[in-house]
Amino acid sequence: MLTADDKKLIQQVWEKVFSRQDDLGAEALERMFITYPQTKTYFPHFDLHHGSDQIRSHGKKVVSALGSAVKSLDNLSQALSELSNLHAYNLRVDPTHFALQLLSQCFQVVLAVHLGNDYTPEVHAAFDKFMSAVAAVLAEKYR
């Protein structure tokens, strides 16, 4: 699914994301909660105000998991196995309510805003494929 060029672009983008992962993850979550308010129902125990510690902490976890996936682009299933198990078996997140596609859109907007001209159409396409692959892997446990 991901070409060698896609993988190279994703890794290059990730080098720029890594140093700001806490901020970018929180910003993507906040954007998701504003753009798709129905997603707030999956976080009833969170303080959803701008800059809350819970949003920052969860944003960091999300981006950290994506970073693990970037390091293992050739074996996403193994890299995300623990996270997939957590959502499917421990948290019992209904796959129809798994907001990764919505979060993916928001994260890509955040990347575009922060990377500016470095977020080319080619980077966008590669990152979109990557996020789709991540979503597919996380949904594997539901089959």
N, C-alpha and C. Protein backbone atom coordinates (compact mmCIF):
# COMPACT_ATOMS: atom_id res chain seq x y z
N MET A 1 0.83 -1.19 0.00
CA MET A 1 0.00 0.00 0.00
C MET A 1 0.88 1.26 0.00
N LEU A 2 1.83 1.33 0.89
CA LEU A 2 2.74 2.47 0.94
C LEU A 2 3.96 2.19 0.06
N THR A 3 4.23 3.09 -0.87
CA THR A 3 5.40 2.93 -1.73
C THR A 3 6.65 3.35 -0.97
N ALA A 4 7.79 3.06 -1.56
CA ALA A 4 9.06 3.49 -0.95
C ALA A 4 9.11 5.00 -0.85
N ASP A 5 8.60 5.71 -1.86
CA ASP A 5 8.56 7.17 -1.80
C ASP A 5 7.64 7.67 -0.70
N ASP A 6 6.48 7.00 -0.54
CA ASP A 6 5.55 7.37 0.54
C ASP A 6 6.25 7.24 1.89
N LYS A 7 6.91 6.14 2.09
CA LYS A 7 7.59 5.88 3.37
C LYS A 7 8.66 6.93 3.65
N LYS A 8 9.39 7.29 2.62
CA LYS A 8 10.44 8.30 2.77
C LYS A 8 9.82 9.64 3.16
N LEU A 9 8.72 10.03 2.50
CA LEU A 9 8.05 11.30 2.82
C LEU A 9 7.50 11.29 4.24
N ILE A 10 6.90 10.19 4.64
CA ILE A 10 6.34 10.08 6.00
C ILE A 10 7.44 10.22 7.03
N GLN A 11 8.56 9.55 6.81
CA GLN A 11 9.66 9.64 7.76
C GLN A 11 10.25 11.04 7.82
N GLN A 12 10.33 11.72 6.68
CA GLN A 12 10.83 13.09 6.66
C GLN A 12 9.89 14.02 7.43
N VAL A 13 8.60 13.87 7.23
CA VAL A 13 7.63 14.69 7.96
C VAL A 13 7.73 14.41 9.44
N TRP A 14 7.89 13.13 9.78
CA TRP A 14 7.92 12.77 11.20
C TRP A 14 9.10 13.38 11.93
N GLU A 15 10.19 13.57 11.25
CA GLU A 15 11.35 14.22 11.87
C GLU A 15 10.97 15.64 12.32
N LYS A 16 10.11 16.29 11.58
CA LYS A 16 9.67 17.64 11.92
C LYS A 16 8.60 17.62 13.01
N VAL A 17 7.82 16.56 13.05
CA VAL A 17 6.73 16.43 14.03
C VAL A 17 7.28 16.06 15.40
N PHE A 18 8.28 15.21 15.42
CA PHE A 18 8.75 14.60 16.66
C PHE A 18 9.03 15.61 17.77
N SER A 19 9.69 16.68 17.46
CA SER A 19 10.06 17.65 18.50
C SER A 19 8.86 18.44 19.03
N ARG A 20 7.75 18.40 18.30
CA ARG A 20 6.56 19.15 18.72
C ARG A 20 5.36 18.24 18.93
N GLN A 21 5.60 16.97 19.19
CA GLN A 21 4.52 16.01 19.23
C GLN A 21 3.47 16.31 20.29
N ASP A 22 3.88 16.83 21.45
CA ASP A 22 2.90 17.14 22.50
C ASP A 22 1.92 18.19 22.01
N ASP A 23 2.44 19.26 21.45
CA ASP A 23 1.58 20.35 21.00
C ASP A 23 0.71 19.94 19.82
N LEU A 24 1.29 19.23 18.86
CA LEU A 24 0.53 18.85 17.67
C LEU A 24 -0.56 17.84 18.00
N GLY A 25 -0.27 16.92 18.89
CA GLY A 25 -1.29 15.93 19.29
C GLY A 25 -2.45 16.59 20.00
N ALA A 26 -2.15 17.50 20.92
CA ALA A 26 -3.22 18.21 21.64
C ALA A 26 -4.03 19.07 20.68
N GLU A 27 -3.35 19.73 19.77
CA GLU A 27 -4.05 20.59 18.81
C GLU A 27 -4.98 19.75 17.91
N ALA A 28 -4.52 18.59 17.49
CA ALA A 28 -5.35 17.72 16.65
C ALA A 28 -6.59 17.24 17.41
N LEU A 29 -6.40 16.85 18.67
CA LEU A 29 -7.56 16.42 19.48
C LEU A 29 -8.54 17.57 19.68
N GLU A 30 -8.04 18.74 20.03
CA GLU A 30 -8.93 19.88 20.23
C GLU A 30 -9.69 20.20 18.95
N ARG A 31 -9.00 20.13 17.83
CA ARG A 31 -9.65 20.39 16.54
C ARG A 31 -10.74 19.35 16.28
N MET A 32 -10.47 18.10 16.63
CA MET A 32 -11.47 17.04 16.44
C MET A 32 -12.70 17.30 17.31
N PHE A 33 -12.48 17.68 18.57
CA PHE A 33 -13.61 17.91 19.47
C PHE A 33 -14.45 19.10 19.01
N ILE A 34 -13.83 20.09 18.40
CA ILE A 34 -14.56 21.26 17.91
C ILE A 34 -15.28 20.94 16.60
N THR A 35 -14.57 20.30 15.68
CA THR A 35 -15.13 20.01 14.36
C THR A 35 -16.15 18.89 14.40
N TYR A 36 -15.91 17.90 15.23
CA TYR A 36 -16.79 16.74 15.36
C TYR A 36 -17.21 16.61 16.82
N PRO A 37 -18.10 17.45 17.30
CA PRO A 37 -18.43 17.46 18.74
C PRO A 37 -18.96 16.13 19.26
N GLN A 38 -19.49 15.30 18.37
CA GLN A 38 -19.98 13.99 18.81
C GLN A 38 -18.86 13.12 19.37
N THR A 39 -17.61 13.41 19.02
CA THR A 39 -16.50 12.61 19.53
C THR A 39 -16.25 12.85 21.01
N LYS A 40 -16.77 13.94 21.54
CA LYS A 40 -16.60 14.22 22.97
C LYS A 40 -17.22 13.13 23.83
N THR A 41 -18.24 12.46 23.31
CA THR A 41 -18.93 11.43 24.10
C THR A 41 -18.03 10.25 24.44
N TYR A 42 -16.94 10.08 23.69
CA TYR A 42 -16.03 8.97 23.96
C TYR A 42 -15.00 9.31 25.02
N PHE A 43 -15.04 10.55 25.49
CA PHE A 43 -14.09 11.02 26.50
C PHE A 43 -14.85 11.72 27.63
N PRO A 44 -15.84 11.05 28.23
CA PRO A 44 -16.67 11.73 29.24
C PRO A 44 -15.90 12.12 30.50
N HIS A 45 -14.79 11.48 30.74
CA HIS A 45 -14.01 11.74 31.94
C HIS A 45 -12.92 12.79 31.72
N PHE A 46 -12.83 13.33 30.50
CA PHE A 46 -11.79 14.32 30.18
C PHE A 46 -12.27 15.74 30.43
N ASP A 47 -11.34 16.57 30.86
CA ASP A 47 -11.54 18.01 30.85
C ASP A 47 -11.25 18.44 29.41
N LEU A 48 -12.26 18.83 28.67
CA LEU A 48 -12.11 19.11 27.25
C LEU A 48 -11.84 20.58 26.95
N HIS A 49 -11.46 21.34 27.94
CA HIS A 49 -11.14 22.74 27.73
C HIS A 49 -9.77 22.88 27.06
N HIS A 50 -9.62 23.95 26.31
CA HIS A 50 -8.36 24.23 25.60
C HIS A 50 -7.17 24.15 26.56
N GLY A 51 -6.18 23.34 26.17
CA GLY A 51 -4.96 23.26 26.95
C GLY A 51 -5.02 22.37 28.17
N SER A 52 -6.10 21.61 28.34
CA SER A 52 -6.21 20.79 29.55
C SER A 52 -5.10 19.73 29.56
N ASP A 53 -4.72 19.35 30.77
CA ASP A 53 -3.67 18.33 30.93
C ASP A 53 -4.10 17.00 30.31
N GLN A 54 -5.39 16.68 30.40
CA GLN A 54 -5.86 15.41 29.84
C GLN A 54 -5.79 15.39 28.32
N ILE A 55 -6.12 16.49 27.69
CA ILE A 55 -6.02 16.56 26.23
C ILE A 55 -4.54 16.50 25.82
N ARG A 56 -3.71 17.23 26.51
CA ARG A 56 -2.28 17.21 26.19
C ARG A 56 -1.70 15.81 26.37
N SER A 57 -2.06 15.16 27.45
CA SER A 57 -1.54 13.83 27.73
C SER A 57 -2.01 12.82 26.68
N HIS A 58 -3.29 12.87 26.35
CA HIS A 58 -3.80 11.92 25.36
C HIS A 58 -3.25 12.23 23.97
N GLY A 59 -3.12 13.51 23.66
CA GLY A 59 -2.53 13.90 22.38
C GLY A 59 -1.12 13.36 22.24
N LYS A 60 -0.38 13.41 23.33
CA LYS A 60 0.99 12.88 23.33
C LYS A 60 0.98 11.37 23.09
N LYS A 61 0.03 10.67 23.71
CA LYS A 61 -0.08 9.22 23.51
C LYS A 61 -0.41 8.89 22.05
N VAL A 62 -1.32 9.65 21.47
CA VAL A 62 -1.72 9.41 20.09
C VAL A 62 -0.52 9.60 19.16
N VAL A 63 0.16 10.71 19.32
CA VAL A 63 1.29 11.00 18.43
C VAL A 63 2.45 10.03 18.70
N SER A 64 2.62 9.62 19.92
CA SER A 64 3.65 8.63 20.23
C SER A 64 3.34 7.30 19.53
N ALA A 65 2.08 6.90 19.54
CA ALA A 65 1.69 5.67 18.85
C ALA A 65 1.92 5.79 17.35
N LEU A 66 1.60 6.95 16.80
CA LEU A 66 1.86 7.18 15.38
C LEU A 66 3.37 7.13 15.10
N GLY A 67 4.15 7.66 16.02
CA GLY A 67 5.61 7.61 15.88
C GLY A 67 6.12 6.18 15.86
N SER A 68 5.55 5.33 16.69
CA SER A 68 5.92 3.91 16.68
C SER A 68 5.57 3.28 15.33
N ALA A 69 4.43 3.68 14.80
CA ALA A 69 4.02 3.17 13.49
C ALA A 69 4.97 3.65 12.40
N VAL A 70 5.40 4.90 12.48
CA VAL A 70 6.34 5.44 11.49
C VAL A 70 7.66 4.66 11.52
N LYS A 71 8.08 4.27 12.70
CA LYS A 71 9.33 3.50 12.83
C LYS A 71 9.19 2.09 12.27
N SER A 72 7.94 1.62 12.14
CA SER A 72 7.70 0.24 11.69
C SER A 72 6.76 0.22 10.49
N LEU A 73 7.04 1.04 9.53
CA LEU A 73 6.15 1.14 8.37
C LEU A 73 5.98 -0.18 7.62
N ASP A 74 6.96 -1.05 7.73
CA ASP A 74 6.88 -2.34 7.04
C ASP A 74 6.15 -3.40 7.86
N ASN A 75 5.84 -3.08 9.11
CA ASN A 75 5.14 -4.05 9.96
C ASN A 75 4.22 -3.32 10.93
N LEU A 76 3.24 -2.63 10.38
CA LEU A 76 2.31 -1.86 11.21
C LEU A 76 1.51 -2.74 12.17
N SER A 77 1.14 -3.93 11.72
CA SER A 77 0.35 -4.81 12.59
C SER A 77 1.07 -5.11 13.89
N GLN A 78 2.34 -5.41 13.81
CA GLN A 78 3.11 -5.71 15.02
C GLN A 78 3.30 -4.44 15.85
N ALA A 79 3.60 -3.33 15.20
CA ALA A 79 3.87 -2.09 15.92
C ALA A 79 2.64 -1.60 16.68
N LEU A 80 1.46 -1.86 16.15
CA LEU A 80 0.23 -1.33 16.75
C LEU A 80 -0.61 -2.42 17.43
N SER A 81 -0.07 -3.61 17.55
CA SER A 81 -0.83 -4.72 18.12
C SER A 81 -1.35 -4.43 19.52
N GLU A 82 -0.48 -3.91 20.36
CA GLU A 82 -0.87 -3.62 21.75
C GLU A 82 -1.98 -2.57 21.80
N LEU A 83 -1.85 -1.54 20.99
CA LEU A 83 -2.86 -0.48 20.94
C LEU A 83 -4.18 -1.01 20.41
N SER A 84 -4.11 -1.87 19.41
CA SER A 84 -5.31 -2.47 18.85
C SER A 84 -6.02 -3.33 19.90
N ASN A 85 -5.24 -4.12 20.63
CA ASN A 85 -5.81 -4.94 21.72
C ASN A 85 -6.45 -4.06 22.78
N LEU A 86 -5.79 -2.99 23.16
CA LEU A 86 -6.31 -2.08 24.18
C LEU A 86 -7.69 -1.55 23.78
N HIS A 87 -7.81 -1.06 22.56
CA HIS A 87 -9.08 -0.49 22.13
C HIS A 87 -10.16 -1.55 21.95
N ALA A 88 -9.79 -2.71 21.44
CA ALA A 88 -10.78 -3.75 21.16
C ALA A 88 -11.22 -4.51 22.41
N TYR A 89 -10.26 -4.86 23.25
CA TYR A 89 -10.57 -5.77 24.36
C TYR A 89 -10.68 -5.10 25.72
N ASN A 90 -9.85 -4.11 26.00
CA ASN A 90 -9.89 -3.46 27.31
C ASN A 90 -10.89 -2.30 27.33
N LEU A 91 -10.72 -1.38 26.39
CA LEU A 91 -11.61 -0.22 26.34
C LEU A 91 -12.95 -0.55 25.68
N ARG A 92 -12.95 -1.61 24.90
CA ARG A 92 -14.15 -2.06 24.18
C ARG A 92 -14.79 -0.93 23.37
N VAL A 93 -13.95 -0.27 22.61
CA VAL A 93 -14.42 0.81 21.75
C VAL A 93 -15.13 0.17 20.56
N ASP A 94 -16.37 0.53 20.35
CA ASP A 94 -17.13 0.03 19.21
C ASP A 94 -16.44 0.53 17.94
N PRO A 95 -16.11 -0.37 17.01
CA PRO A 95 -15.37 0.06 15.82
C PRO A 95 -16.11 1.11 14.99
N THR A 96 -17.43 1.13 15.06
CA THR A 96 -18.17 2.16 14.32
C THR A 96 -17.99 3.53 14.96
N HIS A 97 -17.54 3.55 16.21
CA HIS A 97 -17.33 4.80 16.91
C HIS A 97 -15.86 5.16 17.05
N PHE A 98 -15.02 4.37 16.45
CA PHE A 98 -13.58 4.60 16.54
C PHE A 98 -13.28 5.84 15.70
N ALA A 99 -12.87 6.87 16.33
CA ALA A 99 -12.77 8.19 15.69
C ALA A 99 -11.44 8.43 14.98
N LEU A 100 -10.71 7.38 14.67
CA LEU A 100 -9.39 7.59 14.08
C LEU A 100 -9.47 8.30 12.73
N GLN A 101 -10.47 8.00 11.93
CA GLN A 101 -10.57 8.67 10.63
C GLN A 101 -10.80 10.17 10.83
N LEU A 102 -11.62 10.51 11.79
CA LEU A 102 -11.87 11.94 12.06
C LEU A 102 -10.61 12.60 12.62
N LEU A 103 -9.96 11.90 13.53
CA LEU A 103 -8.71 12.43 14.09
C LEU A 103 -7.65 12.55 13.01
N SER A 104 -7.62 11.60 12.09
CA SER A 104 -6.67 11.64 10.99
C SER A 104 -6.84 12.91 10.17
N GLN A 105 -8.07 13.24 9.85
CA GLN A 105 -8.33 14.47 9.09
C GLN A 105 -7.84 15.69 9.86
N CYS A 106 -8.13 15.72 11.14
CA CYS A 106 -7.73 16.87 11.96
C CYS A 106 -6.22 16.94 12.10
N PHE A 107 -5.58 15.79 12.25
CA PHE A 107 -4.12 15.78 12.38
C PHE A 107 -3.47 16.27 11.10
N GLN A 108 -4.05 15.90 9.97
CA GLN A 108 -3.49 16.35 8.69
C GLN A 108 -3.66 17.87 8.51
N VAL A 109 -4.74 18.42 9.00
CA VAL A 109 -4.91 19.88 8.96
C VAL A 109 -3.84 20.54 9.83
N VAL A 110 -3.61 19.98 11.01
CA VAL A 110 -2.59 20.52 11.91
C VAL A 110 -1.21 20.45 11.24
N LEU A 111 -0.92 19.33 10.60
CA LEU A 111 0.36 19.22 9.89
C LEU A 111 0.47 20.28 8.80
N ALA A 112 -0.59 20.46 8.04
CA ALA A 112 -0.57 21.44 6.95
C ALA A 112 -0.34 22.85 7.50
N VAL A 113 -0.99 23.17 8.61
CA VAL A 113 -0.84 24.50 9.21
C VAL A 113 0.60 24.71 9.68
N HIS A 114 1.15 23.72 10.35
CA HIS A 114 2.48 23.88 10.95
C HIS A 114 3.63 23.68 9.97
N LEU A 115 3.43 22.85 8.96
CA LEU A 115 4.51 22.58 8.02
C LEU A 115 4.48 23.50 6.80
N GLY A 116 3.37 24.16 6.58
CA GLY A 116 3.28 25.11 5.48
C GLY A 116 3.64 24.49 4.14
N ASN A 117 4.58 25.12 3.46
CA ASN A 117 4.96 24.66 2.12
C ASN A 117 5.59 23.27 2.12
N ASP A 118 6.06 22.80 3.27
CA ASP A 118 6.62 21.45 3.35
C ASP A 118 5.54 20.38 3.30
N TYR A 119 4.29 20.78 3.50
CA TYR A 119 3.18 19.82 3.44
C TYR A 119 2.62 19.86 2.01
N THR A 120 3.37 19.24 1.13
CA THR A 120 3.05 19.22 -0.30
C THR A 120 1.90 18.26 -0.58
N PRO A 121 1.33 18.33 -1.78
CA PRO A 121 0.30 17.34 -2.14
C PRO A 121 0.82 15.90 -2.04
N GLU A 122 2.09 15.70 -2.35
CA GLU A 122 2.67 14.35 -2.26
C GLU A 122 2.76 13.89 -0.80
N VAL A 123 3.14 14.80 0.08
CA VAL A 123 3.19 14.47 1.51
C VAL A 123 1.78 14.19 2.01
N HIS A 124 0.83 15.01 1.61
CA HIS A 124 -0.55 14.81 2.02
C HIS A 124 -1.04 13.42 1.59
N ALA A 125 -0.80 13.06 0.34
CA ALA A 125 -1.25 11.76 -0.16
C ALA A 125 -0.58 10.62 0.60
N ALA A 126 0.72 10.73 0.83
CA ALA A 126 1.44 9.68 1.56
C ALA A 126 0.93 9.57 2.99
N PHE A 127 0.73 10.71 3.63
CA PHE A 127 0.27 10.68 5.02
C PHE A 127 -1.16 10.16 5.12
N ASP A 128 -1.98 10.48 4.13
CA ASP A 128 -3.35 9.97 4.10
C ASP A 128 -3.35 8.44 3.98
N LYS A 129 -2.50 7.91 3.12
CA LYS A 129 -2.38 6.45 2.99
C LYS A 129 -1.89 5.83 4.30
N PHE A 130 -0.92 6.48 4.92
CA PHE A 130 -0.38 5.99 6.19
C PHE A 130 -1.47 5.94 7.26
N MET A 131 -2.22 7.02 7.39
CA MET A 131 -3.26 7.07 8.42
C MET A 131 -4.37 6.05 8.12
N SER A 132 -4.67 5.82 6.86
CA SER A 132 -5.65 4.79 6.50
C SER A 132 -5.14 3.40 6.87
N ALA A 133 -3.85 3.18 6.66
CA ALA A 133 -3.25 1.90 7.03
C ALA A 133 -3.28 1.70 8.54
N VAL A 134 -2.99 2.76 9.29
CA VAL A 134 -3.05 2.70 10.75
C VAL A 134 -4.48 2.37 11.20
N ALA A 135 -5.46 3.02 10.63
CA ALA A 135 -6.86 2.76 10.98
C ALA A 135 -7.24 1.31 10.68
N ALA A 136 -6.80 0.80 9.55
CA ALA A 136 -7.10 -0.59 9.18
C ALA A 136 -6.49 -1.57 10.18
N VAL A 137 -5.26 -1.30 10.58
CA VAL A 137 -4.59 -2.18 11.55
C VAL A 137 -5.31 -2.13 12.90
N LEU A 138 -5.70 -0.95 13.33
CA LEU A 138 -6.38 -0.85 14.62
C LEU A 138 -7.75 -1.51 14.59
N ALA A 139 -8.35 -1.63 13.43
CA ALA A 139 -9.66 -2.27 13.32
C ALA A 139 -9.55 -3.78 13.12
N GLU A 140 -8.35 -4.30 12.93
CA GLU A 140 -8.16 -5.73 12.67
C GLU A 140 -8.75 -6.62 13.76
N LYS A 141 -8.63 -6.23 15.00
CA LYS A 141 -9.07 -7.07 16.12
C LYS A 141 -10.59 -7.23 16.17
N TYR A 142 -11.30 -6.41 15.42
CA TYR A 142 -12.76 -6.47 15.43
C TYR A 142 -13.31 -7.48 14.43
N ARG A 143 -12.45 -8.03 13.59
CA ARG A 143 -12.91 -8.97 12.56
C ARG A 143 -13.06 -10.34 13.12
